[in-house]
C-alpha atoms as a PDB file:
ATOM      1  CA  UNK A   1       2.088  -6.360  -1.829  1.00  0.00           C
ATOM      2  CA  UNK A   2      -1.339  -5.299  -0.723  1.00  0.00           C
ATOM      3  CA  UNK A   3      -3.533  -3.576  -3.225  1.00  0.00           C
ATOM      4  CA  UNK A   4      -6.709  -1.606  -2.815  1.00  0.00           C
ATOM      5  CA  UNK A   5      -9.032  -1.211  -5.763  1.00  0.00           C
ATOM      6  CA  UNK A   6     -12.465   0.170  -6.463  1.00  0.00           C
ATOM      7  CA  UNK A   7     -14.742  -1.085  -9.242  1.00  0.00           C
ATOM      8  CA  UNK A   8     -17.749   0.961 -10.364  1.00  0.00           C
ATOM      9  CA  UNK A   9     -19.941   0.074 -13.357  1.00  0.00           C
ATOM     10  CA  UNK A  10     -21.815   2.857 -15.126  1.00  0.00           C
ATOM     11  CA  UNK A  11     -23.787   2.611 -18.361  1.00  0.00           C
ATOM     12  CA  UNK A  12     -22.933   5.624 -20.495  1.00  0.00           C
ATOM     13  CA  UNK A  13     -19.519   6.438 -19.164  1.00  0.00           C
ATOM     14  CA  UNK A  14     -16.612   7.670 -21.227  1.00  0.00           C
ATOM     15  CA  UNK A  15     -13.258   7.188 -19.523  1.00  0.00           C
ATOM     16  CA  UNK A  16     -11.097  10.295 -19.163  1.00  0.00           C
ATOM     17  CA  UNK A  17      -7.590  10.181 -17.800  1.00  0.00           C
ATOM     18  CA  UNK A  18      -7.866  13.534 -16.023  1.00  0.00           C
ATOM     19  CA  UNK A  19     -11.127  12.600 -14.336  1.00  0.00           C
ATOM     20  CA  UNK A  20      -9.686   9.298 -13.131  1.00  0.00           C
ATOM     21  CA  UNK A  21      -6.668  11.042 -11.613  1.00  0.00           C
ATOM     22  CA  UNK A  22      -8.918  13.649  -9.966  1.00  0.00           C
ATOM     23  CA  UNK A  23     -11.068  10.988  -8.283  1.00  0.00           C
ATOM     24  CA  UNK A  24      -8.114   8.816  -7.248  1.00  0.00           C
ATOM     25  CA  UNK A  25      -6.228  11.785  -5.784  1.00  0.00           C
ATOM     26  CA  UNK A  26      -9.249  13.094  -3.849  1.00  0.00           C
ATOM     27  CA  UNK A  27      -9.003  13.260  -0.086  1.00  0.00           C
ATOM     28  CA  UNK A  28     -11.670  10.619   0.516  1.00  0.00           C
ATOM     29  CA  UNK A  29     -10.029   8.001  -1.699  1.00  0.00           C
ATOM     30  CA  UNK A  30      -6.552   8.784  -0.366  1.00  0.00           C
ATOM     31  CA  UNK A  31      -7.724   8.361   3.229  1.00  0.00           C
ATOM     32  CA  UNK A  32      -9.132   4.910   2.406  1.00  0.00           C
ATOM     33  CA  UNK A  33      -5.934   3.884   0.605  1.00  0.00           C
ATOM     34  CA  UNK A  34      -3.732   5.190   3.443  1.00  0.00           C
ATOM     35  CA  UNK A  35      -5.840   3.394   6.071  1.00  0.00           C
ATOM     36  CA  UNK A  36      -5.583   0.075   4.215  1.00  0.00           C
ATOM     37  CA  UNK A  37      -1.816   0.501   3.771  1.00  0.00           C
ATOM     38  CA  UNK A  38      -1.400   1.146   7.505  1.00  0.00           C
ATOM     39  CA  UNK A  39      -3.420  -2.003   8.295  1.00  0.00           C
ATOM     40  CA  UNK A  40      -1.167  -4.096   6.063  1.00  0.00           C
ATOM     41  CA  UNK A  41       1.914  -2.504   7.631  1.00  0.00           C
ATOM     42  CA  UNK A  42       0.685  -3.209  11.183  1.00  0.00           C
ATOM     43  CA  UNK A  43      -0.188  -6.815  10.345  1.00  0.00           C
ATOM     44  CA  UNK A  44       3.237  -7.416   8.769  1.00  0.00           C
ATOM     45  CA  UNK A  45       5.096  -5.790  11.687  1.00  0.00           C
ATOM     46  CA  UNK A  46       3.048  -7.775  14.225  1.00  0.00           C
ATOM     47  CA  UNK A  47       4.148 -11.106  12.732  1.00  0.00           C
ATOM     48  CA  UNK A  48       7.774 -10.023  12.146  1.00  0.00           C
ATOM     49  CA  UNK A  49      10.236 -11.098  14.849  1.00  0.00           C
ATOM     50  CA  UNK A  50      12.812  -8.331  15.257  1.00  0.00           C
ATOM     51  CA  UNK A  51      16.424  -8.795  16.193  1.00  0.00           C
ATOM     52  CA  UNK A  52      17.847  -6.886  19.163  1.00  0.00           C
ATOM     53  CA  UNK A  53      18.149  -3.168  18.375  1.00  0.00           C
ATOM     54  CA  UNK A  54      16.301  -3.422  15.073  1.00  0.00           C
ATOM     55  CA  UNK A  55      13.522  -0.960  14.271  1.00  0.00           C
ATOM     56  CA  UNK A  56      10.326  -1.576  12.340  1.00  0.00           C
ATOM     57  CA  UNK A  57      10.675  -4.251   9.699  1.00  0.00           C
ATOM     58  CA  UNK A  58       7.982  -2.959   7.320  1.00  0.00           C
ATOM     59  CA  UNK A  59       7.019   0.566   6.350  1.00  0.00           C
ATOM     60  CA  UNK A  60       4.114   2.045   4.372  1.00  0.00           C
ATOM     61  CA  UNK A  61       5.091   5.010   2.233  1.00  0.00           C
ATOM     62  CA  UNK A  62       3.333   7.222  -0.285  1.00  0.00           C
ATOM     63  CA  UNK A  63       4.282   6.845  -3.943  1.00  0.00           C
ATOM     64  CA  UNK A  64       3.353   8.614  -7.170  1.00  0.00           C
ATOM     65  CA  UNK A  65       1.956   6.377  -9.881  1.00  0.00           C
ATOM     66  CA  UNK A  66       1.353   7.074 -13.540  1.00  0.00           C
ATOM     67  CA  UNK A  67      -2.152   8.419 -13.011  1.00  0.00           C
ATOM     68  CA  UNK A  68      -2.579   8.840  -9.287  1.00  0.00           C
ATOM     69  CA  UNK A  69      -0.975   8.679  -5.855  1.00  0.00           C
ATOM     70  CA  UNK A  70      -0.821   5.479  -3.878  1.00  0.00           C
ATOM     71  CA  UNK A  71       0.892   3.692  -1.000  1.00  0.00           C
ATOM     72  CA  UNK A  72       3.322   0.810  -0.905  1.00  0.00           C
ATOM     73  CA  UNK A  73       4.282  -1.425   1.990  1.00  0.00           C
ATOM     74  CA  UNK A  74       7.750  -2.922   1.880  1.00  0.00           C
ATOM     75  CA  UNK A  75      10.441  -4.353   4.137  1.00  0.00           C
ATOM     76  CA  UNK A  76      13.091  -1.797   5.120  1.00  0.00           C
ATOM     77  CA  UNK A  77      15.801  -3.746   6.956  1.00  0.00           C
ATOM     78  CA  UNK A  78      18.007  -6.536   5.563  1.00  0.00           C
ATOM     79  CA  UNK A  79      16.569  -8.959   8.135  1.00  0.00           C
ATOM     80  CA  UNK A  80      13.013  -8.018   7.124  1.00  0.00           C
ATOM     81  CA  UNK A  81      13.854  -8.462   3.421  1.00  0.00           C
ATOM     82  CA  UNK A  82      15.211 -11.966   4.049  1.00  0.00           C
ATOM     83  CA  UNK A  83      12.239 -12.779   6.284  1.00  0.00           C
ATOM     84  CA  UNK A  84       9.836 -11.544   3.576  1.00  0.00           C
ATOM     85  CA  UNK A  85      11.479 -13.850   1.045  1.00  0.00           C
ATOM     86  CA  UNK A  86      10.862 -16.804   3.376  1.00  0.00           C
ATOM     87  CA  UNK A  87       7.442 -16.017   4.881  1.00  0.00           C
ATOM     88  CA  UNK A  88       5.761 -13.895   2.155  1.00  0.00           C
ATOM     89  CA  UNK A  89       3.786 -11.684   4.546  1.00  0.00           C
ATOM     90  CA  UNK A  90       2.878  -9.152   1.867  1.00  0.00           C
ATOM     91  CA  UNK A  91       1.481 -11.443  -0.659  1.00  0.00           C
END
């Protein structure tokens, strides 16, 4: 599974849960996370060989985490799930 993270070091910083969630859920951060998830999805679908009549093998979808929103990329068809177990495209 692809992950996107941001590391910032500040000297006199006191961590607050609400502030973290506010930054992570901001439009700028969400656009970066969504863009990276779409890149991972496109790369996985490009290398996935579909069977006749089968749709996309991988899909990026929004999810709600404990502190903030995020995206996950996962296989959505039985063929894609089996192929993921063999080829490990997502990680």
